[in-house]
Amino acid sequence: GAVISLLVMWGRGAFSAQTAQEAMRYISDGFFVAGVVLAGMAGLAYCGNEGTFDMLFFGIKQLVRSFTVRDMTQRKESFYDYRKKKQAAKKPVLYILITGGCFILAGGLFLGLFYAV
């Protein structure tokens, strides 16, 4: 998040801004963009944890196996077994959402400072 934020700030010219108001605008943009990217990633990770992409990934995995695995006994994994294995290995996503929310709040704070200056 910090890297995205700094890259956006640098790309917008926050470090060479002529006025404080201009700098606050660019800093706000950097934090907001990073927050939205992190929140979007958290949303996609949550959807992935809930099984939204399981059928797609299973199909791709089976397609690759059909060309690479010669032993038919290794290809016998059913979608039910694959889904159970994926459900057991859920990854936490709340910390990504909270971090993204903090970046969005920081962007809002600097937006308020932009209008106050």
Protein backbone atom coordinates (compact mmCIF):
# COMPACT_ATOMS: atom_id res chain seq x y z
CA GLY A 1 0.00 0.00 0.00
CA ALA A 2 2.74 2.43 0.92
CA VAL A 3 4.61 1.73 -2.31
CA ILE A 4 1.50 2.34 -4.41
CA SER A 5 0.80 5.50 -2.47
CA LEU A 6 4.33 6.83 -2.89
CA LEU A 7 4.37 5.99 -6.59
CA VAL A 8 1.12 7.86 -7.17
CA MET A 9 2.37 10.83 -5.13
CA TRP A 10 5.64 10.86 -7.04
CA GLY A 11 3.88 10.52 -10.39
CA ARG A 12 1.52 13.38 -9.59
CA GLY A 13 4.37 15.61 -8.42
CA ALA A 14 3.67 15.85 -4.69
CA PHE A 15 7.35 16.12 -3.85
CA SER A 16 7.88 19.09 -6.16
CA ALA A 17 4.62 20.94 -5.48
CA GLN A 18 4.82 24.71 -5.34
CA THR A 19 2.11 25.27 -2.72
CA ALA A 20 0.91 23.38 0.34
CA GLN A 21 -2.56 23.07 -1.18
CA GLU A 22 -1.16 21.43 -4.30
CA ALA A 23 0.89 19.01 -2.17
CA MET A 24 -2.16 18.08 -0.07
CA ARG A 25 -4.11 17.34 -3.26
CA TYR A 26 -1.45 14.98 -4.58
CA ILE A 27 -0.94 13.29 -1.21
CA SER A 28 -4.70 12.77 -0.95
CA ASP A 29 -4.71 11.20 -4.42
CA GLY A 30 -1.88 8.85 -3.45
CA PHE A 31 -3.54 7.59 -0.29
CA PHE A 32 -6.96 7.27 -1.92
CA VAL A 33 -5.69 5.29 -4.92
CA ALA A 34 -3.72 2.92 -2.69
CA GLY A 35 -6.75 2.44 -0.43
CA VAL A 36 -9.06 1.66 -3.34
CA VAL A 37 -6.55 -0.83 -4.80
CA LEU A 38 -6.18 -2.60 -1.43
CA ALA A 39 -9.94 -2.66 -0.82
CA GLY A 40 -10.46 -4.08 -4.31
CA MET A 41 -7.85 -6.76 -3.70
CA ALA A 42 -9.57 -7.65 -0.42
CA GLY A 43 -12.89 -7.95 -2.23
CA LEU A 44 -11.43 -10.25 -4.87
CA ALA A 45 -9.68 -12.34 -2.21
CA TYR A 46 -12.95 -12.65 -0.28
CA CYS A 47 -14.77 -13.78 -3.43
CA GLY A 48 -12.01 -16.29 -4.05
CA ASN A 49 -12.31 -17.61 -0.50
CA GLU A 50 -16.04 -18.09 -0.96
CA GLY A 51 -15.50 -20.24 -4.06
CA THR A 52 -16.34 -17.82 -6.87
CA PHE A 53 -13.37 -18.82 -9.00
CA ASP A 54 -13.13 -22.51 -7.99
CA MET A 55 -14.72 -23.88 -11.16
CA LEU A 56 -12.49 -21.75 -13.39
CA PHE A 57 -9.28 -22.74 -11.59
CA PHE A 58 -10.32 -26.41 -11.46
CA GLY A 59 -10.95 -26.40 -15.21
CA ILE A 60 -7.59 -24.81 -15.96
CA LYS A 61 -5.85 -27.24 -13.62
CA GLN A 62 -7.54 -30.21 -15.31
CA LEU A 63 -6.66 -28.88 -18.76
CA VAL A 64 -2.99 -28.51 -17.84
CA ARG A 65 -2.98 -31.97 -16.24
CA SER A 66 -4.44 -33.53 -19.38
CA PHE A 67 -1.33 -32.46 -21.27
CA THR A 68 1.30 -33.05 -18.59
CA VAL A 69 0.30 -36.05 -16.45
CA ARG A 70 0.62 -39.41 -18.15
CA ASP A 71 -0.60 -41.54 -15.24
CA MET A 72 -4.42 -41.53 -15.27
CA THR A 73 -4.65 -42.25 -11.52
CA GLN A 74 -3.20 -38.80 -10.77
CA ARG A 75 -5.95 -37.13 -12.84
CA LYS A 76 -8.82 -38.57 -10.80
CA GLU A 77 -9.45 -35.60 -8.48
CA SER A 78 -13.11 -34.63 -8.58
CA PHE A 79 -14.40 -31.07 -8.35
CA TYR A 80 -15.98 -31.93 -4.99
CA ASP A 81 -12.60 -32.99 -3.57
CA TYR A 82 -10.90 -29.93 -5.07
CA ARG A 83 -13.51 -27.59 -3.56
CA LYS A 84 -13.27 -29.22 -0.11
CA LYS A 85 -9.48 -28.81 -0.20
CA LYS A 86 -9.83 -25.14 -1.21
CA GLN A 87 -12.43 -24.44 1.51
CA ALA A 88 -10.07 -25.86 4.14
CA ALA A 89 -7.29 -23.50 3.02
CA LYS A 90 -9.07 -20.13 3.24
CA LYS A 91 -6.80 -17.12 3.56
CA PRO A 92 -7.55 -14.17 5.87
CA VAL A 93 -8.53 -10.98 4.04
CA LEU A 94 -9.84 -8.69 6.77
CA TYR A 95 -6.42 -7.13 7.40
CA ILE A 96 -6.18 -6.09 3.74
CA LEU A 97 -9.61 -4.45 3.93
CA ILE A 98 -8.74 -2.63 7.16
CA THR A 99 -5.44 -1.42 5.69
CA GLY A 100 -7.24 -0.18 2.57
CA GLY A 101 -9.80 1.58 4.73
CA CYS A 102 -7.02 3.31 6.68
CA PHE A 103 -5.46 4.52 3.43
CA ILE A 104 -8.85 5.82 2.25
CA LEU A 105 -9.32 7.63 5.58
CA ALA A 106 -5.85 9.15 5.27
CA GLY A 107 -6.77 10.29 1.76
CA GLY A 108 -9.94 11.86 3.16
CA LEU A 109 -7.92 13.61 5.87
CA PHE A 110 -5.57 15.13 3.32
CA LEU A 111 -8.55 16.06 1.15
CA GLY A 112 -9.95 17.95 4.12
CA LEU A 113 -6.58 19.66 4.58
CA PHE A 114 -6.58 20.51 0.85
CA TYR A 115 -9.88 22.37 1.24
CA ALA A 116 -8.80 23.96 4.56
CA VAL A 117 -5.58 25.46 3.18
